[in-house]
Protein backbone atom coordinates (compact mmCIF):
# COMPACT_ATOMS: atom_id res chain seq x y z
CA MET A 1 0.00 0.00 0.00
CA THR A 2 2.83 2.32 0.89
CA ILE A 3 4.61 1.40 -2.30
CA VAL A 4 1.55 2.14 -4.33
CA LEU A 5 1.04 5.42 -2.58
CA SER A 6 4.66 6.31 -3.10
CA THR A 7 4.35 5.44 -6.70
CA LEU A 8 1.29 7.64 -7.13
CA VAL A 9 2.97 10.51 -5.33
CA ALA A 10 6.04 10.10 -7.48
CA GLY A 11 3.88 10.02 -10.64
CA LEU A 12 1.96 13.05 -9.50
CA LEU A 13 5.13 14.98 -8.78
CA GLY A 14 6.54 13.95 -12.14
CA ALA A 15 3.41 15.15 -13.88
CA LEU A 16 3.53 18.46 -12.07
CA PHE A 17 7.19 18.84 -12.95
CA GLY A 18 6.44 18.09 -16.59
CA ILE A 19 3.63 20.55 -16.62
CA GLY A 20 5.87 23.19 -15.14
CA ILE A 21 8.62 22.49 -17.59
CA GLY A 22 6.11 22.60 -20.48
CA TYR A 23 4.68 25.86 -19.27
CA PHE A 24 8.05 27.51 -18.96
CA ALA A 25 9.08 26.08 -22.31
CA ARG A 26 5.88 27.46 -23.93
CA GLN A 27 6.43 30.83 -22.34
CA PHE A 28 9.97 30.85 -23.66
CA ILE A 29 8.91 29.90 -27.14
CA ALA A 30 6.14 32.48 -27.13
CA SER A 31 8.54 35.14 -25.87
CA LYS A 32 11.02 34.16 -28.56
CA ARG A 33 8.38 34.33 -31.27
CA ALA A 34 7.19 37.71 -30.05
CA THR A 35 10.73 38.97 -30.12
CA ASN A 36 11.20 37.69 -33.67
CA ALA A 37 7.87 39.21 -34.86
CA GLU A 38 8.75 42.54 -33.33
CA SER A 39 12.13 42.38 -34.94
CA ARG A 40 10.55 41.63 -38.34
CA ALA A 41 7.99 44.41 -37.89
CA GLN A 42 10.77 46.84 -37.09
CA GLN A 43 12.60 45.66 -40.17
CA ILE A 44 9.49 46.21 -42.33
CA ILE A 45 9.01 49.69 -40.86
CA ASN A 46 12.65 50.51 -41.53
CA ASP A 47 12.35 49.21 -45.11
CA GLY A 48 9.15 51.26 -45.66
CA LYS A 49 10.84 54.40 -44.39
CA SER A 50 13.77 53.78 -46.67
CA GLN A 51 11.47 53.26 -49.69
CA ALA A 52 9.45 56.35 -48.80
CA GLN A 53 12.63 58.40 -48.65
CA ASP A 54 13.63 57.03 -52.06
CA ILE A 55 10.18 57.87 -53.55
CA VAL A 56 10.20 61.38 -52.11
CA LEU A 57 13.69 61.92 -53.43
CA GLU A 58 12.71 60.66 -56.89
CA ALA A 59 9.57 62.87 -56.88
CA LYS A 60 11.69 65.88 -55.98
CA ASN A 61 14.08 65.12 -58.81
CA THR A 62 11.19 64.71 -61.27
CA ALA A 63 9.57 67.98 -60.12
CA LEU A 64 12.87 69.84 -60.47
CA LYS A 65 13.35 68.40 -63.95
CA THR A 66 9.78 69.36 -65.01
CA LEU A 67 10.23 72.85 -63.60
CA GLU A 68 13.45 73.29 -65.54
CA GLU A 69 11.79 72.11 -68.78
CA SER A 70 8.82 74.48 -68.21
CA LYS A 71 11.17 77.39 -67.63
CA LYS A 72 13.06 76.45 -70.77
CA GLU A 73 9.86 76.25 -72.88
CA GLU A 74 8.61 79.53 -71.43
CA LYS A 75 11.89 81.16 -72.30
CA GLU A 76 11.73 79.83 -75.88
CA ARG A 77 8.08 80.94 -76.26
CA SER A 78 8.95 84.36 -74.91
CA ALA A 79 11.78 84.65 -77.41
CA GLN A 80 9.47 83.55 -80.24
CA LEU A 81 6.80 86.10 -79.23
CA SER A 82 9.48 88.77 -79.16
CA ARG A 83 10.53 87.87 -82.69
CA ILE A 84 6.88 87.93 -83.91
CA GLU A 85 6.32 91.27 -82.21
CA SER A 86 9.40 92.69 -83.88
CA LEU A 87 8.25 91.34 -87.25
CA LEU A 88 4.77 92.87 -86.83
CA ILE A 89 6.25 96.22 -85.84
CA ARG A 90 8.45 96.15 -88.94
CA LYS A 91 5.50 95.17 -91.20
CA GLU A 92 3.36 97.94 -89.71
CA THR A 93 6.11 100.44 -90.39
CA GLU A 94 6.42 99.23 -93.99
CA LEU A 95 2.63 99.44 -94.53
CA GLU A 96 2.56 102.98 -93.19
CA GLN A 97 5.37 103.88 -95.54
CA LYS A 98 3.65 102.26 -98.53
CA SER A 99 0.34 103.96 -97.67
CA LYS A 100 2.13 107.28 -97.56
CA GLU A 101 3.78 106.58 -100.91
CA LEU A 102 0.43 105.54 -102.48
CA GLY A 103 -1.16 108.75 -101.25
CA GLN A 104 1.61 110.73 -102.88
CA GLU A 105 1.27 108.78 -106.14
CA LYS A 106 -2.53 109.28 -106.11
CA GLU A 107 -2.05 113.01 -105.69
CA GLN A 108 0.46 113.02 -108.55
CA LEU A 109 -1.90 111.06 -110.83
CA LYS A 110 -4.75 113.45 -110.00
CA ASN A 111 -2.56 116.41 -110.93
CA LYS A 112 -1.51 114.69 -114.17
CA ALA A 113 -5.16 113.93 -115.05
CA GLU A 114 -6.02 117.58 -114.57
CA GLU A 115 -3.09 118.51 -116.78
CA VAL A 116 -4.27 116.03 -119.46
CA VAL A 117 -7.77 117.56 -119.43
CA VAL A 118 -6.29 121.02 -119.85
CA ILE A 119 -3.98 119.85 -122.66
CA LYS A 120 -6.85 118.02 -124.40
CA SER A 121 -8.98 121.14 -124.24
CA GLN A 122 -6.12 123.20 -125.70
CA ILE A 123 -5.57 120.64 -128.50
CA GLU A 124 -9.29 120.59 -129.38
CA GLU A 125 -9.34 124.38 -129.44
CA THR A 126 -6.25 124.43 -131.65
CA ARG A 127 -7.76 121.77 -133.98
CA LEU A 128 -10.94 123.79 -134.42
CA LYS A 129 -8.91 126.91 -135.16
CA GLN A 130 -6.88 124.99 -137.76
CA ILE A 131 -10.01 123.61 -139.42
CA SER A 132 -11.53 127.09 -139.55
CA GLU A 133 -8.33 128.47 -141.00
CA LEU A 134 -8.15 125.69 -143.61
CA GLU A 135 -11.79 126.27 -144.58
CA ARG A 136 -11.07 130.01 -144.93
CA ILE A 137 -7.97 129.42 -147.05
CA ALA A 138 -9.63 126.75 -149.29
CA SER A 139 -12.93 128.62 -149.49
CA LEU A 140 -14.65 125.26 -148.71
CA ASN A 141 -16.53 124.10 -145.65
CA ARG A 142 -15.87 120.74 -144.06
CA GLU A 143 -18.78 118.82 -145.62
CA THR A 144 -18.03 120.05 -149.15
CA ALA A 145 -14.35 119.14 -148.85
CA LYS A 146 -15.28 115.68 -147.53
CA ALA A 147 -17.67 115.05 -150.42
CA GLU A 148 -15.07 116.13 -153.00
CA LEU A 149 -12.43 113.90 -151.37
CA ILE A 150 -14.73 110.85 -151.43
CA THR A 151 -15.64 111.49 -155.07
CA LYS A 152 -11.98 111.71 -156.03
CA ILE A 153 -11.11 108.49 -154.19
CA GLU A 154 -14.01 106.68 -155.88
CA GLU A 155 -12.86 107.76 -159.32
CA GLU A 156 -9.26 106.76 -158.64
CA SER A 157 -10.28 103.37 -157.18
CA LYS A 158 -13.00 102.47 -159.69
CA ASP A 159 -10.78 100.32 -161.89
CA GLU A 160 -9.30 98.51 -158.90
CA LEU A 161 -12.78 97.83 -157.49
CA TYR A 162 -13.93 96.38 -160.81
CA ARG A 163 -10.91 94.07 -160.88
CA LYS A 164 -11.58 92.84 -157.35
CA ILE A 165 -15.26 92.25 -158.06
CA HIS A 166 -14.38 90.26 -161.17
CA LYS A 167 -11.85 88.22 -159.15
CA LEU A 168 -14.46 87.51 -156.45
CA ASP A 169 -17.00 86.44 -159.06
CA THR A 170 -14.49 84.07 -160.62
CA ASP A 171 -13.11 82.61 -157.38
CA ASN A 172 -16.50 82.18 -155.70
CA GLN A 173 -18.48 80.86 -158.66
CA GLU A 174 -18.96 77.51 -156.95
CA GLU A 175 -20.19 79.15 -153.75
CA ILE A 176 -22.56 81.39 -155.73
CA GLU A 177 -24.01 78.38 -157.56
CA LYS A 178 -24.51 76.60 -154.22
CA LYS A 179 -26.33 79.63 -152.84
CA ALA A 180 -28.49 79.76 -155.95
CA ARG A 181 -29.47 76.11 -155.47
CA GLU A 182 -30.45 76.85 -151.87
CA ILE A 183 -32.59 79.78 -152.98
CA VAL A 184 -34.33 77.65 -155.63
CA THR A 185 -34.90 74.88 -153.06
CA LEU A 186 -36.40 77.36 -150.62
CA ALA A 187 -38.68 78.73 -153.33
CA VAL A 188 -39.88 75.24 -154.24
CA GLN A 189 -40.48 74.44 -150.57
CA ARG A 190 -42.44 77.65 -150.03
CA TYR A 191 -44.57 76.94 -153.09
CA ALA A 192 -45.35 73.46 -151.70
CA GLY A 193 -47.34 72.00 -154.61
CA SER A 194 -51.06 71.92 -155.22
CA HIS A 195 -52.03 68.86 -153.15
CA ILE A 196 -50.05 70.20 -150.18
CA SER A 197 -52.07 73.39 -150.35
CA ASP A 198 -55.30 71.41 -150.50
CA SER A 199 -54.32 69.40 -147.44
CA MET A 200 -52.88 72.25 -145.42
CA THR A 201 -55.40 75.09 -145.77
CA THR A 202 -59.08 75.81 -145.16
CA VAL A 203 -60.93 78.73 -146.77
CA VAL A 204 -63.54 80.61 -144.74
CA GLY A 205 -66.08 82.76 -146.60
CA LEU A 206 -66.75 86.28 -145.29
CA PRO A 207 -70.01 88.27 -145.69
CA SER A 208 -68.00 91.38 -146.63
CA ASP A 209 -64.44 92.68 -146.67
CA GLU A 210 -65.26 94.94 -143.71
CA VAL A 211 -65.22 91.87 -141.46
CA LYS A 212 -61.50 91.42 -142.16
CA GLY A 213 -60.73 94.50 -140.07
CA LYS A 214 -62.76 93.17 -137.14
CA ILE A 215 -60.99 89.81 -137.31
CA ILE A 216 -57.60 91.51 -137.34
CA GLY A 217 -58.57 93.81 -134.44
CA LYS A 218 -56.76 96.75 -132.96
CA GLU A 219 -53.02 96.33 -133.52
CA GLY A 220 -53.77 92.75 -134.62
CA ARG A 221 -54.79 91.56 -131.14
CA ASN A 222 -57.80 89.53 -132.36
CA ILE A 223 -55.95 87.58 -135.03
CA LYS A 224 -53.04 86.98 -132.65
CA THR A 225 -55.45 85.60 -130.05
CA ILE A 226 -56.99 83.24 -132.61
CA GLU A 227 -53.58 81.99 -133.72
CA ARG A 228 -52.40 81.56 -130.12
CA LEU A 229 -55.46 79.58 -129.01
CA THR A 230 -55.82 77.36 -132.08
CA GLY A 231 -52.23 76.93 -133.28
CA VAL A 232 -52.94 77.84 -136.91
CA ASP A 233 -51.88 80.67 -139.19
CA VAL A 234 -54.72 82.98 -140.29
CA ILE A 235 -53.94 84.54 -143.66
CA ILE A 236 -55.90 87.66 -144.66
CA ASP A 237 -54.90 88.94 -148.10
CA ASP A 238 -56.53 90.73 -151.04
CA THR A 239 -58.80 87.79 -151.86
CA PRO A 240 -62.32 89.25 -151.77
CA GLU A 241 -64.66 88.04 -149.02
CA ALA A 242 -62.40 85.18 -147.90
CA LEU A 243 -59.62 84.33 -145.49
CA VAL A 244 -57.34 81.28 -145.37
CA ILE A 245 -56.60 79.12 -142.33
CA SER A 246 -53.23 77.39 -142.71
CA GLY A 247 -52.01 74.49 -140.58
CA PHE A 248 -50.94 70.89 -140.95
CA ASP A 249 -53.28 69.62 -138.20
CA PRO A 250 -56.86 69.24 -139.55
CA VAL A 251 -58.34 69.37 -136.05
CA ARG A 252 -56.78 72.73 -135.35
CA ARG A 253 -57.96 74.07 -138.71
CA GLN A 254 -61.52 72.89 -138.07
CA ILE A 255 -61.57 74.43 -134.58
CA ALA A 256 -60.33 77.73 -136.00
CA ARG A 257 -62.89 77.61 -138.85
CA ILE A 258 -65.83 76.93 -136.53
CA ALA A 259 -64.73 79.61 -134.07
CA ILE A 260 -64.26 82.25 -136.81
CA GLU A 261 -67.60 81.46 -138.42
CA LYS A 262 -69.39 81.79 -135.08
CA LEU A 263 -67.59 85.04 -134.31
CA ILE A 264 -68.63 86.46 -137.69
CA ALA A 265 -72.24 85.41 -137.12
CA ASP A 266 -72.25 86.93 -133.62
CA GLY A 267 -70.57 90.17 -134.69
CA ARG A 268 -68.73 90.66 -131.39
CA ILE A 269 -65.06 89.96 -132.01
CA HIS A 270 -62.66 90.58 -129.12
CA PRO A 271 -60.16 88.39 -127.18
CA ALA A 272 -62.60 87.32 -124.44
CA LYS A 273 -65.26 86.32 -126.99
CA ILE A 274 -62.63 84.55 -129.08
CA GLU A 275 -61.59 82.40 -126.10
CA GLU A 276 -65.23 81.53 -125.46
CA GLU A 277 -65.91 80.54 -129.08
CA VAL A 278 -62.69 78.53 -129.35
CA GLN A 279 -63.73 76.57 -126.25
CA LYS A 280 -67.14 75.91 -127.79
CA ALA A 281 -65.50 74.90 -131.07
CA ASN A 282 -63.35 72.39 -129.16
CA GLU A 283 -66.47 70.86 -127.67
CA GLU A 284 -68.15 70.78 -131.08
CA ILE A 285 -65.14 69.08 -132.66
CA ASN A 286 -65.13 66.46 -129.88
CA ALA A 287 -68.78 65.76 -130.63
CA LYS A 288 -67.92 65.56 -134.35
CA ILE A 289 -65.11 63.11 -133.61
CA LYS A 290 -67.51 60.89 -131.67
CA GLU A 291 -70.01 61.00 -134.56
CA GLU A 292 -67.29 60.03 -137.05
CA GLY A 293 -66.30 57.04 -134.91
CA GLU A 294 -69.90 55.87 -134.54
CA ALA A 295 -70.50 56.33 -138.27
CA ALA A 296 -67.43 54.22 -139.11
CA LEU A 297 -68.59 51.43 -136.78
CA PHE A 298 -72.08 51.53 -138.31
CA GLU A 299 -70.81 51.58 -141.90
CA THR A 300 -68.48 48.62 -141.41
CA GLY A 301 -70.91 46.64 -139.24
CA VAL A 302 -68.22 45.93 -136.67
CA GLY A 303 -70.60 46.59 -133.80
CA PRO A 304 -70.49 48.68 -130.63
CA VAL A 305 -67.23 49.07 -128.70
CA ASP A 306 -66.11 51.07 -125.68
CA PRO A 307 -67.09 54.78 -126.08
CA LYS A 308 -63.49 55.90 -125.48
CA LEU A 309 -62.29 53.55 -128.22
CA THR A 310 -65.02 54.94 -130.50
CA PHE A 311 -63.71 58.45 -129.80
CA LEU A 312 -60.15 57.42 -130.67
CA LEU A 313 -61.42 55.87 -133.91
CA GLY A 314 -63.20 59.14 -134.75
CA ARG A 315 -59.96 61.10 -134.29
CA LEU A 316 -58.55 59.25 -137.29
CA ALA A 317 -60.97 61.27 -139.47
CA PHE A 318 -58.65 64.22 -138.90
CA ARG A 319 -55.41 62.38 -139.61
CA THR A 320 -53.79 61.59 -142.95
CA SER A 321 -51.12 59.13 -144.00
CA PHE A 322 -49.29 59.95 -147.23
CA GLY A 323 -52.18 62.27 -148.09
CA GLN A 324 -54.81 59.58 -147.46
CA ASN A 325 -57.46 60.07 -144.76
CA ILE A 326 -56.73 57.37 -142.16
CA LEU A 327 -60.35 56.75 -141.13
CA ARG A 328 -61.49 56.44 -144.77
CA HIS A 329 -58.50 54.18 -145.40
CA SER A 330 -59.43 52.02 -142.37
CA VAL A 331 -63.08 51.75 -143.45
CA GLU A 332 -62.00 50.85 -146.99
CA MET A 333 -59.62 48.24 -145.59
CA THR A 334 -62.43 46.81 -143.43
CA HIS A 335 -64.64 46.17 -146.47
CA ILE A 336 -61.73 44.63 -148.42
CA ALA A 337 -60.67 42.43 -145.48
CA GLY A 338 -64.27 41.25 -144.99
CA MET A 339 -64.54 40.22 -148.64
CA LEU A 340 -61.15 38.45 -148.60
CA ALA A 341 -62.00 36.58 -145.39
CA SER A 342 -65.35 35.49 -146.82
CA GLU A 343 -63.68 34.14 -149.96
CA LEU A 344 -60.93 32.36 -148.00
CA GLY A 345 -63.20 30.90 -145.34
CA ALA A 346 -61.62 32.91 -142.51
CA ASP A 347 -63.36 34.67 -139.62
CA VAL A 348 -65.00 37.68 -141.31
CA SER A 349 -65.77 39.56 -138.08
CA LEU A 350 -62.24 39.09 -136.75
CA ALA A 351 -60.66 40.25 -140.03
CA LYS A 352 -62.90 43.35 -140.19
CA LYS A 353 -62.12 44.37 -136.62
CA GLY A 354 -58.38 43.89 -137.17
CA ALA A 355 -58.57 46.06 -140.31
CA LEU A 356 -60.68 48.82 -138.70
CA PHE A 357 -58.39 49.16 -135.69
CA HIS A 358 -55.06 48.51 -137.41
CA ASP A 359 -54.04 52.22 -137.31
CA ILE A 360 -55.74 53.15 -134.00
CA GLY A 361 -52.32 53.99 -132.58
CA LYS A 362 -52.06 56.95 -134.94
CA ALA A 363 -54.79 58.69 -132.93
CA LEU A 364 -52.23 59.02 -130.09
CA ASP A 365 -48.79 58.84 -131.70
CA HIS A 366 -48.20 62.57 -131.13
CA GLU A 367 -48.77 62.12 -127.40
CA VAL A 368 -47.20 58.72 -126.63
CA GLN A 369 -43.73 57.36 -127.38
CA GLY A 370 -43.45 54.35 -129.69
CA THR A 371 -44.59 53.19 -133.14
CA HIS A 372 -48.27 53.42 -133.98
CA VAL A 373 -48.46 49.60 -134.05
CA GLU A 374 -47.10 49.28 -130.51
CA ILE A 375 -49.33 52.12 -129.28
CA GLY A 376 -52.33 50.47 -130.98
CA ARG A 377 -51.63 47.15 -129.25
CA LYS A 378 -51.49 48.85 -125.84
CA VAL A 379 -54.74 50.75 -126.54
CA LEU A 380 -56.63 47.61 -127.54
CA GLN A 381 -55.27 45.71 -124.56
CA LYS A 382 -56.38 48.52 -122.25
CA PHE A 383 -59.96 48.27 -123.56
CA ASN A 384 -59.96 44.45 -123.22
CA VAL A 385 -60.35 43.81 -126.94
CA ASP A 386 -60.24 40.16 -128.06
CA PRO A 387 -56.53 39.11 -128.19
CA ARG A 388 -57.15 37.61 -131.65
CA VAL A 389 -58.07 41.09 -132.94
CA ILE A 390 -54.71 42.33 -131.65
CA GLN A 391 -52.96 39.43 -133.41
CA ALA A 392 -54.80 40.33 -136.61
CA MET A 393 -53.73 44.02 -136.58
CA GLU A 394 -50.21 43.89 -135.14
CA ALA A 395 -48.51 42.29 -138.16
CA HIS A 396 -49.58 44.72 -140.92
CA HIS A 397 -46.09 46.33 -140.94
CA ASP A 398 -44.23 43.05 -140.30
CA GLU A 399 -43.30 44.17 -136.77
CA TYR A 400 -44.86 41.00 -135.35
CA PRO A 401 -45.22 37.48 -136.81
CA TYR A 402 -48.39 36.40 -138.63
CA ALA A 403 -49.95 34.46 -135.77
CA ILE A 404 -53.29 33.80 -137.49
CA LEU A 405 -54.70 33.76 -141.05
CA GLU A 406 -56.64 36.98 -140.46
CA ALA A 407 -53.33 38.83 -139.84
CA ARG A 408 -52.27 38.13 -143.43
CA ILE A 409 -55.70 39.24 -144.68
CA VAL A 410 -55.37 42.57 -142.82
CA GLN A 411 -51.88 43.10 -144.24
CA ALA A 412 -53.10 42.35 -147.77
CA ALA A 413 -56.07 44.71 -147.37
CA ASP A 414 -53.72 47.48 -146.17
CA ALA A 415 -51.51 47.01 -149.21
CA ILE A 416 -54.50 47.03 -151.61
CA SER A 417 -56.04 50.17 -150.07
CA GLY A 418 -52.77 52.08 -149.96
CA ALA A 419 -51.44 51.00 -153.37
CA ARG A 420 -54.47 51.85 -155.50
CA PRO A 421 -53.89 54.74 -157.97
CA GLY A 422 -54.32 58.17 -156.39
CA ALA A 423 -54.62 56.86 -152.85
CA ARG A 424 -51.46 58.37 -151.42
CA LYS A 425 -49.07 61.26 -151.94
CA ASP A 426 -45.59 60.73 -150.52
CA THR A 427 -44.77 64.46 -150.49
CA VAL A 428 -47.59 65.20 -148.06
CA GLU A 429 -46.38 62.58 -145.60
CA VAL A 430 -42.79 63.83 -145.67
CA TYR A 431 -44.05 67.38 -145.17
CA LEU A 432 -46.30 66.42 -142.23
CA LYS A 433 -43.60 64.38 -140.53
CA ARG A 434 -41.24 67.37 -140.68
CA LEU A 435 -43.85 69.61 -139.03
CA GLU A 436 -44.62 66.97 -136.40
CA GLU A 437 -40.89 66.59 -135.69
CA LEU A 438 -40.61 70.35 -135.13
CA GLU A 439 -43.38 70.27 -132.53
CA ARG A 440 -41.88 67.17 -130.90
CA ILE A 441 -38.51 68.88 -130.47
CA ALA A 442 -40.15 71.94 -128.92
CA THR A 443 -42.27 69.97 -126.43
CA SER A 444 -39.25 67.92 -125.32
CA PHE A 445 -37.98 70.91 -123.30
CA GLU A 446 -39.05 71.56 -119.71
CA GLY A 447 -41.58 74.35 -119.17
CA VAL A 448 -43.12 74.22 -122.67
CA GLU A 449 -46.92 74.35 -122.44
CA LYS A 450 -47.70 73.86 -126.15
CA SER A 451 -46.06 74.40 -129.54
CA TYR A 452 -47.31 74.99 -133.07
CA ALA A 453 -45.48 74.63 -136.39
CA ILE A 454 -46.90 77.28 -138.72
CA GLN A 455 -46.01 79.16 -141.93
CA ALA A 456 -45.43 75.86 -143.79
CA GLY A 457 -42.84 74.86 -141.23
CA ARG A 458 -40.88 78.11 -141.47
CA GLU A 459 -41.94 79.23 -137.97
CA LEU A 460 -42.18 77.33 -134.68
CA ARG A 461 -44.38 79.11 -132.14
CA ILE A 462 -43.77 77.96 -128.54
CA PHE A 463 -45.89 78.91 -125.51
CA VAL A 464 -44.21 78.44 -122.12
CA THR A 465 -45.50 78.30 -118.54
CA PRO A 466 -44.65 81.71 -117.02
CA THR A 467 -44.22 80.33 -113.50
CA ARG A 468 -41.53 77.88 -114.65
CA ILE A 469 -39.61 79.97 -117.21
CA ASP A 470 -38.67 83.63 -116.77
CA ASP A 471 -37.80 86.13 -119.51
CA LEU A 472 -34.13 85.15 -119.62
CA GLY A 473 -35.13 81.49 -119.66
CA ALA A 474 -37.38 82.16 -122.67
CA ILE A 475 -34.44 83.65 -124.57
CA LYS A 476 -32.25 80.67 -123.68
CA LEU A 477 -35.06 78.25 -124.64
CA ALA A 478 -35.34 79.82 -128.11
CA LYS A 479 -31.60 79.35 -128.66
CA ASP A 480 -31.63 75.76 -127.33
CA VAL A 481 -34.60 74.78 -129.53
CA ALA A 482 -33.00 76.34 -132.61
CA ARG A 483 -29.74 74.52 -131.90
CA LYS A 484 -31.50 71.18 -131.44
CA ILE A 485 -33.43 71.67 -134.71
CA GLU A 486 -30.14 72.33 -136.51
CA GLU A 487 -28.61 69.17 -135.04
CA GLU A 488 -31.52 66.75 -135.59
CA MET A 489 -33.32 67.92 -138.74
CA LYS A 490 -32.61 68.66 -142.38
CA TYR A 491 -34.63 71.43 -144.00
CA PRO A 492 -34.32 74.08 -146.69
CA GLY A 493 -33.99 77.75 -145.76
CA GLU A 494 -34.38 78.76 -142.13
CA ILE A 495 -36.89 78.19 -139.33
CA ARG A 496 -37.94 80.99 -137.01
CA VAL A 497 -38.29 79.93 -133.35
CA ASN A 498 -40.75 82.21 -131.56
CA VAL A 499 -41.01 81.69 -127.76
CA ILE A 500 -44.00 83.43 -126.14
CA ARG A 501 -44.28 83.97 -122.38
CA GLU A 502 -47.57 85.49 -121.24
CA THR A 503 -48.55 86.29 -117.64
CA ARG A 504 -52.19 86.92 -116.71
CA ALA A 505 -53.75 88.10 -113.46
CA LEU A 506 -57.43 87.21 -113.00
CA GLU A 507 -59.79 88.50 -110.29
CA TYR A 508 -63.53 88.97 -109.92
CA ALA A 509 -65.34 92.03 -108.55
CA ARG A 510 -68.43 90.88 -106.63
């Protein structure tokens, strides 16, 4: 028991001793670590201070360097400004000197100009005195002496002038003959043959020659208004109780004829009344065109069609092709095509319709681009005409293939109607195409309201929109049109281009 107790006591003492040793050892280690940490912290602080001193030193060096560079740049800029200031002062001094010199020169020139005026006056006075003295000595005045001198020179130079004229005649014989041919060509063109005259003019009977003065009006204002509104040329000559309406467009001539006849019947002839009657004549012509179309449909037995297509057909009554009335030609073709189709066993109705409408495009060819065949196809398509009718009419000038038998019948009928003796006159067609080309060229320019070729194609009258073309623009337009005519057309003589710009202000008092 004692041994056990001793053992326990010894173990307990050993444990306490170990705990004490461990405690002191831990305290030592902790103290050592604290000392090391403090030492390292002090080292870090010392290193930071050293780095801070280095950074501050470097910043000071950089600041000093920047300051030195700024001072250097400021010094250079100051020197540059000083140089510029010196240069400006020198320039200012030079300008003041030059201004002073110019003032002196101006004063000198002014004095010289005054001297020149005085000298010129003295010379003129001296010249007049000399002329007076010469006239006194020669006993001749200035005009008499001049006349005698000219007479003497003419006598002395007469032989030389004759020689030069003879030389010019010899050297320029070819040019003279060329000019003579041009004059003859112009004369032939102005004469324009009998059938041209028949196709281009309309005669209006007058109750008396006194009416001619009313139609002409004060300073020609009435006749100018008629020509402006209708696009024709009204010719009033010595022919008793008659006037002539000239123009290549039959519609225009008929409108002018109806308007003039109504004005004569009414007795009141002035611009306002003329405008009213021309408007009524337009309406009457439109009604006449419709009647012509309906009459052609009735005569050929083709049957009713769209009213607008009937109107276009009626317009052909006022168109000619090679001197042949197109509507009469179409009606004649329709009868021929019907007979041919009947003999050949083809569709008579189809052949007649193709023949009647084969030239329908010519009712619009002044207003739409393209050949009359192409225009005609588009017109018939627009009015929903049977496609076979279009096939029958489109091949009469070989522009399209002969798709059906009736197309060949229409082409044959066209050739028969146009080739019969006396049916056509080539000269008329050439003449009309030239006039139509003149109007086409004029209307191709911007701002042109309407244009008329008159005086047998020797004058082109152009009316412009005043809000789009001013007076200077009208002058330029006349030159541009004339130049384009010279470039694109061939014609004898010359063509006068007359551009008219008219501004009206209209208001009503109520």
